[in-house]
Amino acid sequence: MPGWERAAWKMPPFVRHDPLTGGKTQVIYSDANPNVVVSEMKLAPDADIEPKDGMAGAGFVELKMTKLLSET
């Protein structure tokens, strides 16, 4: 997009939650390619950091967005 400054919008760190162990891992993705993990760091189980890392199918995302938008 014209006028959009990509450098001003860095990829934020995400937190991956393991539902089996309760562990949390901070994940840093590449700014150039979000499929590339640059680094991972274990966090304390009580760390309260957002945004959460995860994958979801198109149907889930559609339902989640519909719910979020209907609440506003």
PDB file of N, CA and C in Angstrom:
ATOM      1  N   MET A   1       0.839  -1.173   0.000  1.00  0.00           N
ATOM      2  CA  MET A   1       0.000   0.000   0.000  1.00  0.00           C
ATOM      3  C   MET A   1       0.891   1.246   0.000  1.00  0.00           C
ATOM      4  N   PRO A   2       0.558   2.191  -0.800  1.00  0.00           N
ATOM      5  CA  PRO A   2       1.337   3.428  -0.815  1.00  0.00           C
ATOM      6  C   PRO A   2       1.278   4.125   0.555  1.00  0.00           C
ATOM      7  N   GLY A   3       2.428   4.587   1.020  1.00  0.00           N
ATOM      8  CA  GLY A   3       2.487   5.310   2.287  1.00  0.00           C
ATOM      9  C   GLY A   3       2.568   4.432   3.523  1.00  0.00           C
ATOM     10  N   TRP A   4       2.452   3.109   3.354  1.00  0.00           N
ATOM     11  CA  TRP A   4       2.511   2.206   4.516  1.00  0.00           C
ATOM     12  C   TRP A   4       3.966   1.906   4.824  1.00  0.00           C
ATOM     13  N   GLU A   5       4.366   2.102   6.064  1.00  0.00           N
ATOM     14  CA  GLU A   5       5.743   1.890   6.474  1.00  0.00           C
ATOM     15  C   GLU A   5       5.895   0.535   7.143  1.00  0.00           C
ATOM     16  N   ARG A   6       6.329  -0.451   6.398  1.00  0.00           N
ATOM     17  CA  ARG A   6       6.480  -1.818   6.903  1.00  0.00           C
ATOM     18  C   ARG A   6       7.408  -1.871   8.107  1.00  0.00           C
ATOM     19  N   ALA A   7       8.473  -1.092   8.092  1.00  0.00           N
ATOM     20  CA  ALA A   7       9.452  -1.112   9.188  1.00  0.00           C
ATOM     21  C   ALA A   7       8.842  -0.658  10.512  1.00  0.00           C
ATOM     22  N   ALA A   8       7.768   0.108  10.457  1.00  0.00           N
ATOM     23  CA  ALA A   8       7.115   0.595  11.685  1.00  0.00           C
ATOM     24  C   ALA A   8       6.235  -0.482  12.322  1.00  0.00           C
ATOM     25  N   TRP A   9       5.996  -1.583  11.617  1.00  0.00           N
ATOM     26  CA  TRP A   9       5.104  -2.642  12.098  1.00  0.00           C
ATOM     27  C   TRP A   9       5.864  -3.959  12.196  1.00  0.00           C
ATOM     28  N   LYS A  10       6.697  -4.071  13.208  1.00  0.00           N
ATOM     29  CA  LYS A  10       7.479  -5.293  13.434  1.00  0.00           C
ATOM     30  C   LYS A  10       6.562  -6.427  13.895  1.00  0.00           C
ATOM     31  N   MET A  11       6.987  -7.643  13.628  1.00  0.00           N
ATOM     32  CA  MET A  11       6.258  -8.824  14.095  1.00  0.00           C
ATOM     33  C   MET A  11       6.392  -8.888  15.620  1.00  0.00           C
ATOM     34  N   PRO A  12       5.277  -8.934  16.351  1.00  0.00           N
ATOM     35  CA  PRO A  12       5.385  -8.996  17.812  1.00  0.00           C
ATOM     36  C   PRO A  12       5.761 -10.400  18.281  1.00  0.00           C
ATOM     37  N   PRO A  13       6.283 -10.521  19.490  1.00  0.00           N
ATOM     38  CA  PRO A  13       6.509 -11.858  20.042  1.00  0.00           C
ATOM     39  C   PRO A  13       5.164 -12.477  20.429  1.00  0.00           C
ATOM     40  N   PHE A  14       5.057 -13.773  20.263  1.00  0.00           N
ATOM     41  CA  PHE A  14       3.837 -14.501  20.613  1.00  0.00           C
ATOM     42  C   PHE A  14       4.149 -15.501  21.723  1.00  0.00           C
ATOM     43  N   VAL A  15       3.111 -15.972  22.402  1.00  0.00           N
ATOM     44  CA  VAL A  15       3.288 -16.966  23.458  1.00  0.00           C
ATOM     45  C   VAL A  15       2.506 -18.221  23.089  1.00  0.00           C
ATOM     46  N   ARG A  16       3.223 -19.328  23.012  1.00  0.00           N
ATOM     47  CA  ARG A  16       2.626 -20.631  22.727  1.00  0.00           C
ATOM     48  C   ARG A  16       2.312 -21.307  24.058  1.00  0.00           C
ATOM     49  N   HIS A  17       1.073 -21.750  24.223  1.00  0.00           N
ATOM     50  CA  HIS A  17       0.626 -22.419  25.447  1.00  0.00           C
ATOM     51  C   HIS A  17       0.505 -23.916  25.181  1.00  0.00           C
ATOM     52  N   ASP A  18       1.118 -24.734  26.007  1.00  0.00           N
ATOM     53  CA  ASP A  18       1.024 -26.193  25.886  1.00  0.00           C
ATOM     54  C   ASP A  18      -0.060 -26.671  26.848  1.00  0.00           C
ATOM     55  N   PRO A  19      -1.209 -27.110  26.325  1.00  0.00           N
ATOM     56  CA  PRO A  19      -2.306 -27.503  27.204  1.00  0.00           C
ATOM     57  C   PRO A  19      -2.019 -28.766  28.028  1.00  0.00           C
ATOM     58  N   LEU A  20      -1.090 -29.584  27.584  1.00  0.00           N
ATOM     59  CA  LEU A  20      -0.785 -30.819  28.324  1.00  0.00           C
ATOM     60  C   LEU A  20       0.111 -30.575  29.525  1.00  0.00           C
ATOM     61  N   THR A  21       1.130 -29.730  29.350  1.00  0.00           N
ATOM     62  CA  THR A  21       2.081 -29.496  30.435  1.00  0.00           C
ATOM     63  C   THR A  21       1.839 -28.190  31.178  1.00  0.00           C
ATOM     64  N   GLY A  22       1.066 -27.284  30.572  1.00  0.00           N
ATOM     65  CA  GLY A  22       0.857 -25.973  31.170  1.00  0.00           C
ATOM     66  C   GLY A  22       2.016 -25.031  30.911  1.00  0.00           C
ATOM     67  N   GLY A  23       3.014 -25.486  30.161  1.00  0.00           N
ATOM     68  CA  GLY A  23       4.178 -24.661  29.867  1.00  0.00           C
ATOM     69  C   GLY A  23       3.874 -23.572  28.857  1.00  0.00           C
ATOM     70  N   LYS A  24       4.707 -22.534  28.882  1.00  0.00           N
ATOM     71  CA  LYS A  24       4.560 -21.425  27.955  1.00  0.00           C
ATOM     72  C   LYS A  24       5.910 -21.140  27.306  1.00  0.00           C
ATOM     73  N   THR A  25       5.864 -20.835  26.015  1.00  0.00           N
ATOM     74  CA  THR A  25       7.067 -20.534  25.257  1.00  0.00           C
ATOM     75  C   THR A  25       6.846 -19.272  24.453  1.00  0.00           C
ATOM     76  N   GLN A  26       7.764 -18.319  24.579  1.00  0.00           N
ATOM     77  CA  GLN A  26       7.699 -17.119  23.751  1.00  0.00           C
ATOM     78  C   GLN A  26       8.326 -17.452  22.404  1.00  0.00           C
ATOM     79  N   VAL A  27       7.619 -17.101  21.326  1.00  0.00           N
ATOM     80  CA  VAL A  27       8.073 -17.412  19.971  1.00  0.00           C
ATOM     81  C   VAL A  27       8.244 -16.108  19.198  1.00  0.00           C
ATOM     82  N   ILE A  28       9.415 -15.958  18.576  1.00  0.00           N
ATOM     83  CA  ILE A  28       9.698 -14.803  17.724  1.00  0.00           C
ATOM     84  C   ILE A  28       9.743 -15.292  16.286  1.00  0.00           C
ATOM     85  N   TYR A  29       8.913 -14.692  15.427  1.00  0.00           N
ATOM     86  CA  TYR A  29       8.881 -15.043  14.013  1.00  0.00           C
ATOM     87  C   TYR A  29       9.631 -13.985  13.206  1.00  0.00           C
ATOM     88  N   SER A  30      10.114 -14.379  12.051  1.00  0.00           N
ATOM     89  CA  SER A  30      10.823 -13.476  11.148  1.00  0.00           C
ATOM     90  C   SER A  30       9.879 -12.386  10.632  1.00  0.00           C
ATOM     91  N   ASP A  31      10.375 -11.151  10.582  1.00  0.00           N
ATOM     92  CA  ASP A  31       9.589 -10.069   9.980  1.00  0.00           C
ATOM     93  C   ASP A  31       9.402 -10.295   8.483  1.00  0.00           C
ATOM     94  N   ALA A  32      10.398 -10.887   7.846  1.00  0.00           N
ATOM     95  CA  ALA A  32      10.355 -11.084   6.399  1.00  0.00           C
ATOM     96  C   ALA A  32       9.521 -12.290   5.991  1.00  0.00           C
ATOM     97  N   ASN A  33       9.454 -13.324   6.862  1.00  0.00           N
ATOM     98  CA  ASN A  33       8.725 -14.547   6.536  1.00  0.00           C
ATOM     99  C   ASN A  33       8.120 -15.117   7.817  1.00  0.00           C
ATOM    100  N   PRO A  34       6.818 -14.938   8.032  1.00  0.00           N
ATOM    101  CA  PRO A  34       6.202 -15.388   9.277  1.00  0.00           C
ATOM    102  C   PRO A  34       6.152 -16.912   9.448  1.00  0.00           C
ATOM    103  N   ASN A  35       6.601 -17.659   8.453  1.00  0.00           N
ATOM    104  CA  ASN A  35       6.703 -19.110   8.596  1.00  0.00           C
ATOM    105  C   ASN A  35       8.005 -19.526   9.268  1.00  0.00           C
ATOM    106  N   VAL A  36       8.926 -18.572   9.457  1.00  0.00           N
ATOM    107  CA  VAL A  36      10.239 -18.865  10.008  1.00  0.00           C
ATOM    108  C   VAL A  36      10.299 -18.431  11.475  1.00  0.00           C
ATOM    109  N   VAL A  37      10.593 -19.401  12.359  1.00  0.00           N
ATOM    110  CA  VAL A  37      10.770 -19.102  13.777  1.00  0.00           C
ATOM    111  C   VAL A  37      12.213 -18.663  13.982  1.00  0.00           C
ATOM    112  N   VAL A  38      12.399 -17.454  14.494  1.00  0.00           N
ATOM    113  CA  VAL A  38      13.734 -16.911  14.737  1.00  0.00           C
ATOM    114  C   VAL A  38      14.271 -17.420  16.072  1.00  0.00           C
ATOM    115  N   SER A  39      13.413 -17.435  17.089  1.00  0.00           N
ATOM    116  CA  SER A  39      13.843 -17.927  18.396  1.00  0.00           C
ATOM    117  C   SER A  39      12.647 -18.342  19.239  1.00  0.00           C
ATOM    118  N   GLU A  40      12.930 -19.185  20.222  1.00  0.00           N
ATOM    119  CA  GLU A  40      11.942 -19.621  21.206  1.00  0.00           C
ATOM    120  C   GLU A  40      12.581 -19.538  22.581  1.00  0.00           C
ATOM    121  N   MET A  41      11.790 -19.138  23.583  1.00  0.00           N
ATOM    122  CA  MET A  41      12.300 -19.020  24.939  1.00  0.00           C
ATOM    123  C   MET A  41      11.219 -19.491  25.913  1.00  0.00           C
ATOM    124  N   LYS A  42      11.584 -20.429  26.786  1.00  0.00           N
ATOM    125  CA  LYS A  42      10.646 -20.913  27.800  1.00  0.00           C
ATOM    126  C   LYS A  42      10.318 -19.785  28.772  1.00  0.00           C
ATOM    127  N   LEU A  43       9.059 -19.720  29.176  1.00  0.00           N
ATOM    128  CA  LEU A  43       8.598 -18.720  30.129  1.00  0.00           C
ATOM    129  C   LEU A  43       8.120 -19.398  31.401  1.00  0.00           C
ATOM    130  N   ALA A  44       8.018 -18.631  32.458  1.00  0.00           N
ATOM    131  CA  ALA A  44       7.466 -19.136  33.710  1.00  0.00           C
ATOM    132  C   ALA A  44       5.997 -19.488  33.488  1.00  0.00           C
ATOM    133  N   PRO A  45       5.507 -20.565  34.130  1.00  0.00           N
ATOM    134  CA  PRO A  45       4.112 -20.971  33.938  1.00  0.00           C
ATOM    135  C   PRO A  45       3.101 -19.879  34.294  1.00  0.00           C
ATOM    136  N   ASP A  46       3.481 -18.969  35.201  1.00  0.00           N
ATOM    137  CA  ASP A  46       2.542 -17.919  35.597  1.00  0.00           C
ATOM    138  C   ASP A  46       2.692 -16.646  34.772  1.00  0.00           C
ATOM    139  N   ALA A  47       3.534 -16.664  33.735  1.00  0.00           N
ATOM    140  CA  ALA A  47       3.714 -15.485  32.879  1.00  0.00           C
ATOM    141  C   ALA A  47       2.405 -15.181  32.163  1.00  0.00           C
ATOM    142  N   ASP A  48       2.003 -13.925  32.215  1.00  0.00           N
ATOM    143  CA  ASP A  48       0.751 -13.504  31.585  1.00  0.00           C
ATOM    144  C   ASP A  48       1.082 -12.547  30.451  1.00  0.00           C
ATOM    145  N   ILE A  49       1.435 -13.116  29.298  1.00  0.00           N
ATOM    146  CA  ILE A  49       1.887 -12.323  28.156  1.00  0.00           C
ATOM    147  C   ILE A  49       0.981 -12.622  26.960  1.00  0.00           C
ATOM    148  N   GLU A  50       0.670 -11.615  26.220  1.00  0.00           N
ATOM    149  CA  GLU A  50      -0.139 -11.747  25.012  1.00  0.00           C
ATOM    150  C   GLU A  50       0.666 -11.199  23.842  1.00  0.00           C
ATOM    151  N   PRO A  51       0.329 -11.468  22.626  1.00  0.00           N
ATOM    152  CA  PRO A  51      -0.752 -12.300  22.143  1.00  0.00           C
ATOM    153  C   PRO A  51      -0.372 -13.779  22.124  1.00  0.00           C
ATOM    154  N   LYS A  52      -1.394 -14.617  22.118  1.00  0.00           N
ATOM    155  CA  LYS A  52      -1.172 -16.056  22.097  1.00  0.00           C
ATOM    156  C   LYS A  52      -0.836 -16.514  20.679  1.00  0.00           C
ATOM    157  N   ASP A  53       0.005 -17.535  20.611  1.00  0.00           N
ATOM    158  CA  ASP A  53       0.401 -18.137  19.346  1.00  0.00           C
ATOM    159  C   ASP A  53      -0.463 -19.359  19.111  1.00  0.00           C
ATOM    160  N   GLY A  54      -0.842 -19.598  17.891  1.00  0.00           N
ATOM    161  CA  GLY A  54      -1.623 -20.790  17.586  1.00  0.00           C
ATOM    162  C   GLY A  54      -2.080 -20.780  16.143  1.00  0.00           C
ATOM    163  N   MET A  55      -2.676 -21.882  15.762  1.00  0.00           N
ATOM    164  CA  MET A  55      -3.200 -22.010  14.413  1.00  0.00           C
ATOM    165  C   MET A  55      -4.665 -22.404  14.514  1.00  0.00           C
ATOM    166  N   ALA A  56      -5.445 -21.932  13.558  1.00  0.00           N
ATOM    167  CA  ALA A  56      -6.869 -22.264  13.523  1.00  0.00           C
ATOM    168  C   ALA A  56      -7.319 -22.314  12.068  1.00  0.00           C
ATOM    169  N   GLY A  57      -8.299 -23.138  11.809  1.00  0.00           N
ATOM    170  CA  GLY A  57      -8.849 -23.240  10.466  1.00  0.00           C
ATOM    171  C   GLY A  57      -9.754 -22.061  10.139  1.00  0.00           C
ATOM    172  N   ALA A  58     -10.102 -21.920   8.880  1.00  0.00           N
ATOM    173  CA  ALA A  58     -10.918 -20.796   8.418  1.00  0.00           C
ATOM    174  C   ALA A  58     -12.284 -20.765   9.095  1.00  0.00           C
ATOM    175  N   GLY A  59     -12.887 -21.927   9.318  1.00  0.00           N
ATOM    176  CA  GLY A  59     -14.204 -21.983   9.966  1.00  0.00           C
ATOM    177  C   GLY A  59     -14.161 -21.453  11.383  1.00  0.00           C
ATOM    178  N   PHE A  60     -13.129 -21.845  12.140  1.00  0.00           N
ATOM    179  CA  PHE A  60     -12.976 -21.363  13.512  1.00  0.00           C
ATOM    180  C   PHE A  60     -12.785 -19.854  13.525  1.00  0.00           C
ATOM    181  N   VAL A  61     -11.925 -19.376  12.638  1.00  0.00           N
ATOM    182  CA  VAL A  61     -11.641 -17.937  12.589  1.00  0.00           C
ATOM    183  C   VAL A  61     -12.916 -17.171  12.244  1.00  0.00           C
ATOM    184  N   GLU A  62     -13.693 -17.670  11.316  1.00  0.00           N
ATOM    185  CA  GLU A  62     -14.948 -17.004  10.945  1.00  0.00           C
ATOM    186  C   GLU A  62     -15.895 -16.920  12.135  1.00  0.00           C
ATOM    187  N   LEU A  63     -16.043 -18.019  12.867  1.00  0.00           N
ATOM    188  CA  LEU A  63     -16.929 -18.018  14.035  1.00  0.00           C
ATOM    189  C   LEU A  63     -16.415 -17.094  15.131  1.00  0.00           C
ATOM    190  N   LYS A  64     -15.123 -17.122  15.372  1.00  0.00           N
ATOM    191  CA  LYS A  64     -14.520 -16.267  16.407  1.00  0.00           C
ATOM    192  C   LYS A  64     -14.693 -14.793  16.063  1.00  0.00           C
ATOM    193  N   MET A  65     -14.417 -14.425  14.811  1.00  0.00           N
ATOM    194  CA  MET A  65     -14.565 -13.033  14.384  1.00  0.00           C
ATOM    195  C   MET A  65     -16.020 -12.584  14.452  1.00  0.00           C
ATOM    196  N   THR A  66     -16.947 -13.443  14.053  1.00  0.00           N
ATOM    197  CA  THR A  66     -18.378 -13.110  14.132  1.00  0.00           C
ATOM    198  C   THR A  66     -18.773 -12.848  15.575  1.00  0.00           C
ATOM    199  N   LYS A  67     -18.322 -13.690  16.486  1.00  0.00           N
ATOM    200  CA  LYS A  67     -18.632 -13.508  17.906  1.00  0.00           C
ATOM    201  C   LYS A  67     -18.042 -12.197  18.425  1.00  0.00           C
ATOM    202  N   LEU A  68     -16.764 -11.942  18.131  1.00  0.00           N
ATOM    203  CA  LEU A  68     -16.111 -10.727  18.599  1.00  0.00           C
ATOM    204  C   LEU A  68     -16.785  -9.469  18.038  1.00  0.00           C
ATOM    205  N   LEU A  69     -17.142  -9.485  16.778  1.00  0.00           N
ATOM    206  CA  LEU A  69     -17.768  -8.317  16.161  1.00  0.00           C
ATOM    207  C   LEU A  69     -19.191  -8.087  16.648  1.00  0.00           C
ATOM    208  N   SER A  70     -19.892  -9.150  17.029  1.00  0.00           N
ATOM    209  CA  SER A  70     -21.255  -8.985  17.520  1.00  0.00           C
ATOM    210  C   SER A  70     -21.291  -8.431  18.946  1.00  0.00           C
ATOM    211  N   GLU A  71     -20.166  -8.523  19.663  1.00  0.00           N
ATOM    212  CA  GLU A  71     -20.089  -8.029  21.035  1.00  0.00           C
ATOM    213  C   GLU A  71     -19.845  -6.520  21.085  1.00  0.00           C
ATOM    214  N   THR A  72     -19.469  -5.920  19.946  1.00  0.00           N
ATOM    215  CA  THR A  72     -19.158  -4.486  19.958  1.00  0.00           C
ATOM    216  C   THR A  72     -20.362  -3.634  19.663  1.00  0.00           C
TER     217      THR A  72
END
